[in-house]
Amino acid sequence: MLNPLWLKTFAAAAAAPSFTETARRLGLTQPTVSEHIRQLEQAMNRRLFLRDTHSLTLTSDGRSLLVHAELILDAHERAERLFDAPRLRGRVRLGTSDDLAMGPLPDVLAAFRLAHPEVELDLTIGVTSELYKLLDDNGLDVMIGKRRRGDRRGQTLHKEALLWRAKEGLRFAPDEPLPLILLREPSVTRTLTLDALARAGRSWQIVCTSTSYAGCQAAARAGLGIAVQPSHLSTAGLAAPPAATQLPALPQVEFIVISAPAPNKPTRALTEILMRSTLT
């Protein structure tokens, strides 16, 4: 019923002052435009335009259809681009910090797989410092993680806050060292946390270290102390400490994507999807 050709003509007519101008914009004849609209109105059993010799106006049904027509035409165009493009083959080695892997990354991987089903993904999860080293040693094609202090490479995906998190009900004396759960060195989050505490003159004691945010969350849920994590991570079983207002404010952390020099086509395709994704 909703022939894409008719919908394309309909959408163009909705943005034009007349069928004659619609025909000019689409490279069609005016009778062809009129016929497309007639067939669409007949199929819909609705009048879509009010028209006379001087004006062309959408009816209420026409305005309603236009919303759906634009969505259908956009989906149609994306499908054509997907299946008209040559299939990519090969392998792309992606490195990611575990907080992104635990957060929005699965949606990106699904989108990439859908668009390029014949490309093999080699996924490495690690702390950002390890990913930088792997990238520099040609062990990765592209990495996503936090921007390292002093390193200006890469494109910004997004910035977000770091948060203090602890087991619900955990209490600590304000005059005693803060019990910290931190990522193992070197870590961007660890450095930012300790710098903030040092500037505030707040004493601390490291009670647990881990190679991953999953480990830090497990220790925090066990009530060992206070952890720091990006705001997108799940807070199930965790909450802001009761005395959070007495703790120093934490800075934002910047997430970036960096590709190796001279990236191959699969790497460029993945980078493009990352830049259009929910990570941005």
C-alpha atoms as a PDB file:
ATOM      1  CA  MET A   1       0.000   0.000   0.000  1.00  0.00           C
ATOM      2  CA  LEU A   2       2.783   2.443   0.894  1.00  0.00           C
ATOM      3  CA  ASN A   3       4.785   2.368  -2.318  1.00  0.00           C
ATOM      4  CA  PRO A   4       8.120   4.141  -1.586  1.00  0.00           C
ATOM      5  CA  LEU A   5       7.956   5.893  -4.955  1.00  0.00           C
ATOM      6  CA  TRP A   6       4.577   7.398  -4.111  1.00  0.00           C
ATOM      7  CA  LEU A   7       5.799   8.343  -0.632  1.00  0.00           C
ATOM      8  CA  LYS A   8       8.857  10.081  -2.068  1.00  0.00           C
ATOM      9  CA  THR A   9       6.645  12.123  -4.379  1.00  0.00           C
ATOM     10  CA  PHE A  10       4.226  12.832  -1.522  1.00  0.00           C
ATOM     11  CA  ALA A  11       6.994  14.062   0.809  1.00  0.00           C
ATOM     12  CA  ALA A  12       8.402  16.300  -1.928  1.00  0.00           C
ATOM     13  CA  ALA A  13       4.950  17.703  -2.674  1.00  0.00           C
ATOM     14  CA  ALA A  14       4.407  18.448   1.017  1.00  0.00           C
ATOM     15  CA  ALA A  15       7.470  20.701   0.906  1.00  0.00           C
ATOM     16  CA  ALA A  16       6.604  22.401  -2.398  1.00  0.00           C
ATOM     17  CA  PRO A  17       4.071  25.108  -3.277  1.00  0.00           C
ATOM     18  CA  SER A  18       2.601  23.123  -6.184  1.00  0.00           C
ATOM     19  CA  PHE A  19       2.685  19.844  -8.078  1.00  0.00           C
ATOM     20  CA  THR A  20       4.421  21.661 -10.916  1.00  0.00           C
ATOM     21  CA  GLU A  21       7.286  22.667  -8.608  1.00  0.00           C
ATOM     22  CA  THR A  22       7.328  19.148  -7.138  1.00  0.00           C
ATOM     23  CA  ALA A  23       7.750  17.741 -10.640  1.00  0.00           C
ATOM     24  CA  ARG A  24      10.616  20.129 -11.332  1.00  0.00           C
ATOM     25  CA  ARG A  25      12.432  19.176  -8.119  1.00  0.00           C
ATOM     26  CA  LEU A  26      12.039  15.443  -8.760  1.00  0.00           C
ATOM     27  CA  GLY A  27      12.726  15.524 -12.498  1.00  0.00           C
ATOM     28  CA  LEU A  28       9.240  14.181 -13.289  1.00  0.00           C
ATOM     29  CA  THR A  29       6.299  15.466 -15.286  1.00  0.00           C
ATOM     30  CA  GLN A  30       3.433  17.189 -13.508  1.00  0.00           C
ATOM     31  CA  PRO A  31       0.917  14.455 -14.597  1.00  0.00           C
ATOM     32  CA  THR A  32       3.232  11.814 -13.101  1.00  0.00           C
ATOM     33  CA  VAL A  33       3.284  13.636  -9.765  1.00  0.00           C
ATOM     34  CA  SER A  34      -0.506  13.940  -9.815  1.00  0.00           C
ATOM     35  CA  GLU A  35      -0.831  10.235 -10.608  1.00  0.00           C
ATOM     36  CA  HIS A  36       1.473   9.226  -7.742  1.00  0.00           C
ATOM     37  CA  ILE A  37      -0.578  11.293  -5.294  1.00  0.00           C
ATOM     38  CA  ARG A  38      -3.846   9.928  -6.706  1.00  0.00           C
ATOM     39  CA  GLN A  39      -2.672   6.339  -6.325  1.00  0.00           C
ATOM     40  CA  LEU A  40      -1.469   7.001  -2.784  1.00  0.00           C
ATOM     41  CA  GLU A  41      -4.760   8.658  -1.789  1.00  0.00           C
ATOM     42  CA  GLN A  42      -6.673   5.771  -3.320  1.00  0.00           C
ATOM     43  CA  ALA A  43      -4.547   3.199  -1.486  1.00  0.00           C
ATOM     44  CA  MET A  44      -4.918   5.075   1.819  1.00  0.00           C
ATOM     45  CA  ASN A  45      -8.588   5.878   1.200  1.00  0.00           C
ATOM     46  CA  ARG A  46      -7.786   9.337   2.525  1.00  0.00           C
ATOM     47  CA  ARG A  47      -7.523  12.788   0.985  1.00  0.00           C
ATOM     48  CA  LEU A  48      -3.978  14.027   1.584  1.00  0.00           C
ATOM     49  CA  PHE A  49      -3.973  17.489  -0.041  1.00  0.00           C
ATOM     50  CA  LEU A  50      -6.313  20.428  -0.391  1.00  0.00           C
ATOM     51  CA  ARG A  51      -5.358  22.002  -3.695  1.00  0.00           C
ATOM     52  CA  ASP A  52      -6.547  24.613  -6.114  1.00  0.00           C
ATOM     53  CA  THR A  53      -4.880  26.613  -8.884  1.00  0.00           C
ATOM     54  CA  HIS A  54      -3.016  28.780  -6.356  1.00  0.00           C
ATOM     55  CA  SER A  55      -2.211  26.669  -3.302  1.00  0.00           C
ATOM     56  CA  LEU A  56      -1.333  23.208  -2.053  1.00  0.00           C
ATOM     57  CA  THR A  57      -2.052  22.344   1.587  1.00  0.00           C
ATOM     58  CA  LEU A  58      -1.826  19.107   3.559  1.00  0.00           C
ATOM     59  CA  THR A  59      -4.992  17.794   5.167  1.00  0.00           C
ATOM     60  CA  SER A  60      -4.848  16.485   8.752  1.00  0.00           C
ATOM     61  CA  ASP A  61      -4.503  12.961   7.317  1.00  0.00           C
ATOM     62  CA  GLY A  62      -1.729  14.245   5.079  1.00  0.00           C
ATOM     63  CA  ARG A  63       0.144  15.710   8.031  1.00  0.00           C
ATOM     64  CA  SER A  64      -0.168  12.431   9.904  1.00  0.00           C
ATOM     65  CA  LEU A  65       1.050  10.424   6.935  1.00  0.00           C
ATOM     66  CA  LEU A  66       4.020  12.751   6.410  1.00  0.00           C
ATOM     67  CA  VAL A  67       5.509  11.745   9.782  1.00  0.00           C
ATOM     68  CA  HIS A  68       5.373   8.069   8.830  1.00  0.00           C
ATOM     69  CA  ALA A  69       6.483   8.718   5.254  1.00  0.00           C
ATOM     70  CA  GLU A  70       9.679  10.402   6.421  1.00  0.00           C
ATOM     71  CA  LEU A  71      10.471   7.467   8.737  1.00  0.00           C
ATOM     72  CA  ILE A  72       9.752   4.916   5.998  1.00  0.00           C
ATOM     73  CA  LEU A  73      11.833   6.760   3.411  1.00  0.00           C
ATOM     74  CA  ASP A  74      14.735   7.126   5.847  1.00  0.00           C
ATOM     75  CA  ALA A  75      14.646   3.390   6.656  1.00  0.00           C
ATOM     76  CA  HIS A  76      14.400   2.591   2.946  1.00  0.00           C
ATOM     77  CA  GLU A  77      17.430   4.772   2.170  1.00  0.00           C
ATOM     78  CA  ARG A  78      19.491   3.199   4.967  1.00  0.00           C
ATOM     79  CA  ALA A  79      18.589  -0.298   3.781  1.00  0.00           C
ATOM     80  CA  GLU A  80      19.595   0.575   0.220  1.00  0.00           C
ATOM     81  CA  ARG A  81      22.941   1.964   1.416  1.00  0.00           C
ATOM     82  CA  LEU A  82      23.561  -1.154   3.474  1.00  0.00           C
ATOM     83  CA  PHE A  83      22.866  -3.636   0.691  1.00  0.00           C
ATOM     84  CA  ASP A  84      24.302  -1.580  -2.164  1.00  0.00           C
ATOM     85  CA  ALA A  85      27.659  -1.185  -0.413  1.00  0.00           C
ATOM     86  CA  PRO A  86      30.292  -3.861  -1.043  1.00  0.00           C
ATOM     87  CA  ARG A  87      30.650  -6.274   1.869  1.00  0.00           C
ATOM     88  CA  LEU A  88      33.632  -5.690   4.085  1.00  0.00           C
ATOM     89  CA  ARG A  89      35.812  -8.633   4.998  1.00  0.00           C
ATOM     90  CA  GLY A  90      38.753  -9.014   7.314  1.00  0.00           C
ATOM     91  CA  ARG A  91      39.374  -8.492  11.006  1.00  0.00           C
ATOM     92  CA  VAL A  92      39.409  -5.510  13.330  1.00  0.00           C
ATOM     93  CA  ARG A  93      41.081  -5.625  16.754  1.00  0.00           C
ATOM     94  CA  LEU A  94      39.129  -3.472  19.212  1.00  0.00           C
ATOM     95  CA  GLY A  95      40.389  -2.616  22.669  1.00  0.00           C
ATOM     96  CA  THR A  96      37.981  -1.229  25.241  1.00  0.00           C
ATOM     97  CA  SER A  97      38.005  -0.317  28.901  1.00  0.00           C
ATOM     98  CA  ASP A  98      35.790  -2.600  30.957  1.00  0.00           C
ATOM     99  CA  ASP A  99      33.467   0.205  32.087  1.00  0.00           C
ATOM    100  CA  LEU A 100      32.430   0.768  28.469  1.00  0.00           C
ATOM    101  CA  ALA A 101      32.103  -2.980  27.915  1.00  0.00           C
ATOM    102  CA  MET A 102      29.806  -3.140  30.972  1.00  0.00           C
ATOM    103  CA  GLY A 103      27.819  -0.146  29.680  1.00  0.00           C
ATOM    104  CA  PRO A 104      26.815   0.941  26.157  1.00  0.00           C
ATOM    105  CA  LEU A 105      29.346  -1.039  24.055  1.00  0.00           C
ATOM    106  CA  PRO A 106      27.076  -4.046  23.302  1.00  0.00           C
ATOM    107  CA  ASP A 107      24.779  -1.812  21.215  1.00  0.00           C
ATOM    108  CA  VAL A 108      27.785  -0.718  19.120  1.00  0.00           C
ATOM    109  CA  LEU A 109      28.948  -4.287  18.566  1.00  0.00           C
ATOM    110  CA  ALA A 110      25.458  -5.319  17.486  1.00  0.00           C
ATOM    111  CA  ALA A 111      25.238  -2.430  15.004  1.00  0.00           C
ATOM    112  CA  PHE A 112      28.653  -3.249  13.555  1.00  0.00           C
ATOM    113  CA  ARG A 113      27.807  -6.939  13.209  1.00  0.00           C
ATOM    114  CA  LEU A 114      24.549  -6.104  11.465  1.00  0.00           C
ATOM    115  CA  ALA A 115      26.275  -3.771   9.010  1.00  0.00           C
ATOM    116  CA  HIS A 116      29.371  -5.924   8.406  1.00  0.00           C
ATOM    117  CA  PRO A 117      28.597  -9.580   9.163  1.00  0.00           C
ATOM    118  CA  GLU A 118      31.717 -10.882   7.424  1.00  0.00           C
ATOM    119  CA  VAL A 119      34.211  -8.890   9.518  1.00  0.00           C
ATOM    120  CA  GLU A 120      35.745 -10.723  12.481  1.00  0.00           C
ATOM    121  CA  LEU A 121      35.884  -8.754  15.731  1.00  0.00           C
ATOM    122  CA  ASP A 122      38.817  -9.393  18.067  1.00  0.00           C
ATOM    123  CA  LEU A 123      37.847  -7.804  21.401  1.00  0.00           C
ATOM    124  CA  THR A 124      40.351  -6.967  24.139  1.00  0.00           C
ATOM    125  CA  ILE A 125      39.153  -5.607  27.491  1.00  0.00           C
ATOM    126  CA  GLY A 126      41.644  -3.909  29.768  1.00  0.00           C
ATOM    127  CA  VAL A 127      42.530  -0.781  31.679  1.00  0.00           C
ATOM    128  CA  THR A 128      43.141   2.257  29.526  1.00  0.00           C
ATOM    129  CA  SER A 129      46.906   2.343  30.102  1.00  0.00           C
ATOM    130  CA  GLU A 130      47.225  -1.225  28.782  1.00  0.00           C
ATOM    131  CA  LEU A 131      45.128  -0.356  25.737  1.00  0.00           C
ATOM    132  CA  TYR A 132      47.374   2.607  24.887  1.00  0.00           C
ATOM    133  CA  LYS A 133      50.410   0.313  25.027  1.00  0.00           C
ATOM    134  CA  LEU A 134      48.762  -2.348  22.864  1.00  0.00           C
ATOM    135  CA  LEU A 135      47.786   0.299  20.308  1.00  0.00           C
ATOM    136  CA  ASP A 136      51.307   1.751  20.234  1.00  0.00           C
ATOM    137  CA  ASP A 137      52.776  -1.787  19.874  1.00  0.00           C
ATOM    138  CA  ASN A 138      50.451  -2.569  16.932  1.00  0.00           C
ATOM    139  CA  GLY A 139      48.417  -4.982  19.029  1.00  0.00           C
ATOM    140  CA  LEU A 140      45.151  -3.135  18.351  1.00  0.00           C
ATOM    141  CA  ASP A 141      43.539  -1.449  15.365  1.00  0.00           C
ATOM    142  CA  VAL A 142      41.325   0.847  17.423  1.00  0.00           C
ATOM    143  CA  MET A 143      40.775   1.522  21.116  1.00  0.00           C
ATOM    144  CA  ILE A 144      38.114   3.249  23.198  1.00  0.00           C
ATOM    145  CA  GLY A 145      38.756   4.386  26.731  1.00  0.00           C
ATOM    146  CA  LYS A 146      39.602   7.392  28.838  1.00  0.00           C
ATOM    147  CA  ARG A 147      41.875  10.136  27.628  1.00  0.00           C
ATOM    148  CA  ARG A 148      45.262   9.807  29.286  1.00  0.00           C
ATOM    149  CA  ARG A 149      46.690  12.946  30.842  1.00  0.00           C
ATOM    150  CA  GLY A 150      48.886  14.771  28.335  1.00  0.00           C
ATOM    151  CA  ASP A 151      47.865  12.603  25.353  1.00  0.00           C
ATOM    152  CA  ARG A 152      45.859  14.586  22.809  1.00  0.00           C
ATOM    153  CA  ARG A 153      45.309  11.800  20.283  1.00  0.00           C
ATOM    154  CA  GLY A 154      41.897  10.548  19.336  1.00  0.00           C
ATOM    155  CA  GLN A 155      38.361  11.843  18.905  1.00  0.00           C
ATOM    156  CA  THR A 156      36.117  12.622  21.845  1.00  0.00           C
ATOM    157  CA  LEU A 157      33.158  10.283  22.296  1.00  0.00           C
ATOM    158  CA  HIS A 158      31.715  11.926  25.398  1.00  0.00           C
ATOM    159  CA  LYS A 159      32.493  13.274  28.849  1.00  0.00           C
ATOM    160  CA  GLU A 160      30.839  12.171  32.040  1.00  0.00           C
ATOM    161  CA  ALA A 161      31.098  12.540  35.780  1.00  0.00           C
ATOM    162  CA  LEU A 162      32.944  10.269  38.177  1.00  0.00           C
ATOM    163  CA  LEU A 163      30.896   9.304  41.234  1.00  0.00           C
ATOM    164  CA  TRP A 164      31.617   8.141  44.775  1.00  0.00           C
ATOM    165  CA  ARG A 165      29.840   4.820  45.379  1.00  0.00           C
ATOM    166  CA  ALA A 166      29.572   2.518  48.412  1.00  0.00           C
ATOM    167  CA  LYS A 167      27.343  -0.155  49.900  1.00  0.00           C
ATOM    168  CA  GLU A 168      24.058   1.328  51.035  1.00  0.00           C
ATOM    169  CA  GLY A 169      24.302   2.280  54.684  1.00  0.00           C
ATOM    170  CA  LEU A 170      28.116   2.253  54.802  1.00  0.00           C
ATOM    171  CA  ARG A 171      29.370   4.858  57.270  1.00  0.00           C
ATOM    172  CA  PHE A 172      32.828   6.200  57.971  1.00  0.00           C
ATOM    173  CA  ALA A 173      34.185   8.703  60.452  1.00  0.00           C
ATOM    174  CA  PRO A 174      35.075  12.052  58.819  1.00  0.00           C
ATOM    175  CA  ASP A 175      38.270  12.310  60.879  1.00  0.00           C
ATOM    176  CA  GLU A 176      39.544   8.859  59.861  1.00  0.00           C
ATOM    177  CA  PRO A 177      41.275   7.943  56.558  1.00  0.00           C
ATOM    178  CA  LEU A 178      38.784   7.320  53.762  1.00  0.00           C
ATOM    179  CA  PRO A 179      38.637   3.564  52.936  1.00  0.00           C
ATOM    180  CA  LEU A 180      39.252   3.475  49.181  1.00  0.00           C
ATOM    181  CA  ILE A 181      38.605   0.789  46.571  1.00  0.00           C
ATOM    182  CA  LEU A 182      40.608   1.673  43.474  1.00  0.00           C
ATOM    183  CA  LEU A 183      41.691   0.308  40.135  1.00  0.00           C
ATOM    184  CA  ARG A 184      45.240  -0.954  40.040  1.00  0.00           C
ATOM    185  CA  GLU A 185      47.932   1.433  38.769  1.00  0.00           C
ATOM    186  CA  PRO A 186      48.244   2.882  36.223  1.00  0.00           C
ATOM    187  CA  SER A 187      44.660   4.095  36.004  1.00  0.00           C
ATOM    188  CA  VAL A 188      43.140   7.393  34.848  1.00  0.00           C
ATOM    189  CA  THR A 189      40.292   7.090  37.368  1.00  0.00           C
ATOM    190  CA  ARG A 190      42.682   6.259  40.200  1.00  0.00           C
ATOM    191  CA  THR A 191      44.894   9.266  39.406  1.00  0.00           C
ATOM    192  CA  LEU A 192      41.948  11.673  39.220  1.00  0.00           C
ATOM    193  CA  THR A 193      40.534  10.362  42.505  1.00  0.00           C
ATOM    194  CA  LEU A 194      43.784  10.643  44.463  1.00  0.00           C
ATOM    195  CA  ASP A 195      44.504  14.086  43.002  1.00  0.00           C
ATOM    196  CA  ALA A 196      41.072  15.328  44.133  1.00  0.00           C
ATOM    197  CA  LEU A 197      41.613  13.977  47.649  1.00  0.00           C
ATOM    198  CA  ALA A 198      45.113  15.465  47.832  1.00  0.00           C
ATOM    199  CA  ARG A 199      43.875  18.909  46.781  1.00  0.00           C
ATOM    200  CA  ALA A 200      41.152  18.717  49.429  1.00  0.00           C
ATOM    201  CA  GLY A 201      43.635  17.642  52.105  1.00  0.00           C
ATOM    202  CA  ARG A 202      41.578  14.485  52.803  1.00  0.00           C
ATOM    203  CA  SER A 203      43.464  11.465  54.127  1.00  0.00           C
ATOM    204  CA  TRP A 204      42.747   8.000  52.729  1.00  0.00           C
ATOM    205  CA  GLN A 205      43.638   4.340  53.036  1.00  0.00           C
ATOM    206  CA  ILE A 206      43.541   1.950  50.085  1.00  0.00           C
ATOM    207  CA  VAL A 207      41.693  -1.129  51.326  1.00  0.00           C
ATOM    208  CA  CYS A 208      41.296  -2.937  47.990  1.00  0.00           C
ATOM    209  CA  THR A 209      42.621  -2.733  44.439  1.00  0.00           C
ATOM    210  CA  SER A 210      41.305  -4.459  41.333  1.00  0.00           C
ATOM    211  CA  THR A 211      42.131  -4.745  37.649  1.00  0.00           C
ATOM    212  CA  SER A 212      38.506  -4.003  36.711  1.00  0.00           C
ATOM    213  CA  TYR A 213      35.442  -1.981  37.656  1.00  0.00           C
ATOM    214  CA  ALA A 214      33.598  -5.257  38.141  1.00  0.00           C
ATOM    215  CA  GLY A 215      36.091  -6.122  40.889  1.00  0.00           C
ATOM    216  CA  CYS A 216      35.781  -2.674  42.463  1.00  0.00           C
ATOM    217  CA  GLN A 217      31.993  -2.931  42.471  1.00  0.00           C
ATOM    218  CA  ALA A 218      32.118  -6.380  44.075  1.00  0.00           C
ATOM    219  CA  ALA A 219      34.373  -5.046  46.843  1.00  0.00           C
ATOM    220  CA  ALA A 220      32.121  -2.019  47.347  1.00  0.00           C
ATOM    221  CA  ARG A 221      28.984  -4.173  47.547  1.00  0.00           C
ATOM    222  CA  ALA A 222      30.770  -6.252  50.174  1.00  0.00           C
ATOM    223  CA  GLY A 223      31.128  -3.103  52.274  1.00  0.00           C
ATOM    224  CA  LEU A 224      34.930  -2.930  52.113  1.00  0.00           C
ATOM    225  CA  GLY A 225      34.989   0.782  51.367  1.00  0.00           C
ATOM    226  CA  ILE A 226      34.215   3.487  48.819  1.00  0.00           C
ATOM    227  CA  ALA A 227      34.741   3.093  45.071  1.00  0.00           C
ATOM    228  CA  VAL A 228      34.787   5.619  42.217  1.00  0.00           C
ATOM    229  CA  GLN A 229      33.128   4.870  38.905  1.00  0.00           C
ATOM    230  CA  PRO A 230      31.807   6.624  35.771  1.00  0.00           C
ATOM    231  CA  SER A 231      28.172   7.626  36.017  1.00  0.00           C
ATOM    232  CA  HIS A 232      26.980   5.260  33.248  1.00  0.00           C
ATOM    233  CA  LEU A 233      27.822   2.110  35.218  1.00  0.00           C
ATOM    234  CA  SER A 234      25.119   0.228  37.100  1.00  0.00           C
ATOM    235  CA  THR A 235      24.695   1.226  40.725  1.00  0.00           C
ATOM    236  CA  ALA A 236      22.735  -1.881  41.797  1.00  0.00           C
ATOM    237  CA  GLY A 237      23.488  -2.433  45.474  1.00  0.00           C
ATOM    238  CA  LEU A 238      25.512   0.787  45.643  1.00  0.00           C
ATOM    239  CA  ALA A 239      24.682   4.369  46.521  1.00  0.00           C
ATOM    240  CA  ALA A 240      26.290   7.696  47.228  1.00  0.00           C
ATOM    241  CA  PRO A 241      27.889   7.515  50.705  1.00  0.00           C
ATOM    242  CA  PRO A 242      25.873   9.283  53.410  1.00  0.00           C
ATOM    243  CA  ALA A 243      28.698  11.798  53.843  1.00  0.00           C
ATOM    244  CA  ALA A 244      29.213  12.291  50.083  1.00  0.00           C
ATOM    245  CA  THR A 245      28.749  16.056  50.418  1.00  0.00           C
ATOM    246  CA  GLN A 246      31.845  16.110  52.623  1.00  0.00           C
ATOM    247  CA  LEU A 247      33.942  14.413  49.945  1.00  0.00           C
ATOM    248  CA  PRO A 248      35.757  16.445  47.272  1.00  0.00           C
ATOM    249  CA  ALA A 249      34.056  16.899  43.937  1.00  0.00           C
ATOM    250  CA  LEU A 250      35.406  14.584  41.274  1.00  0.00           C
ATOM    251  CA  PRO A 251      36.235  15.819  37.759  1.00  0.00           C
ATOM    252  CA  GLN A 252      34.679  14.616  34.543  1.00  0.00           C
ATOM    253  CA  VAL A 253      36.430  11.914  32.581  1.00  0.00           C
ATOM    254  CA  GLU A 254      36.742  12.086  28.781  1.00  0.00           C
ATOM    255  CA  PHE A 255      36.140   8.964  26.696  1.00  0.00           C
ATOM    256  CA  ILE A 256      37.872   8.828  23.320  1.00  0.00           C
ATOM    257  CA  VAL A 257      38.393   6.612  20.292  1.00  0.00           C
ATOM    258  CA  ILE A 258      41.864   6.254  18.731  1.00  0.00           C
ATOM    259  CA  SER A 259      42.679   4.369  15.546  1.00  0.00           C
ATOM    260  CA  ALA A 260      46.089   3.026  14.619  1.00  0.00           C
ATOM    261  CA  PRO A 261      47.948   4.827  11.794  1.00  0.00           C
ATOM    262  CA  ALA A 262      46.750   3.897   8.291  1.00  0.00           C
ATOM    263  CA  PRO A 263      43.589   2.068   9.462  1.00  0.00           C
ATOM    264  CA  ASN A 264      42.100  -0.585   7.197  1.00  0.00           C
ATOM    265  CA  LYS A 265      38.518  -0.427   5.895  1.00  0.00           C
ATOM    266  CA  PRO A 266      36.975  -2.509   8.729  1.00  0.00           C
ATOM    267  CA  THR A 267      38.687  -0.263  11.274  1.00  0.00           C
ATOM    268  CA  ARG A 268      37.395   2.885   9.583  1.00  0.00           C
ATOM    269  CA  ALA A 269      33.880   1.397   9.441  1.00  0.00           C
ATOM    270  CA  LEU A 270      33.945   0.533  13.142  1.00  0.00           C
ATOM    271  CA  THR A 271      35.260   3.992  14.034  1.00  0.00           C
ATOM    272  CA  GLU A 272      32.426   5.621  12.081  1.00  0.00           C
ATOM    273  CA  ILE A 273      29.837   3.516  13.911  1.00  0.00           C
ATOM    274  CA  LEU A 274      31.457   4.384  17.251  1.00  0.00           C
ATOM    275  CA  MET A 275      31.236   8.095  16.457  1.00  0.00           C
ATOM    276  CA  ARG A 276      27.530   7.790  15.584  1.00  0.00           C
ATOM    277  CA  SER A 277      26.680   5.537  18.520  1.00  0.00           C
ATOM    278  CA  THR A 278      25.199   5.887  21.991  1.00  0.00           C
ATOM    279  CA  LEU A 279      28.784   6.321  23.226  1.00  0.00           C
ATOM    280  CA  THR A 280      28.751   9.921  21.947  1.00  0.00           C
END
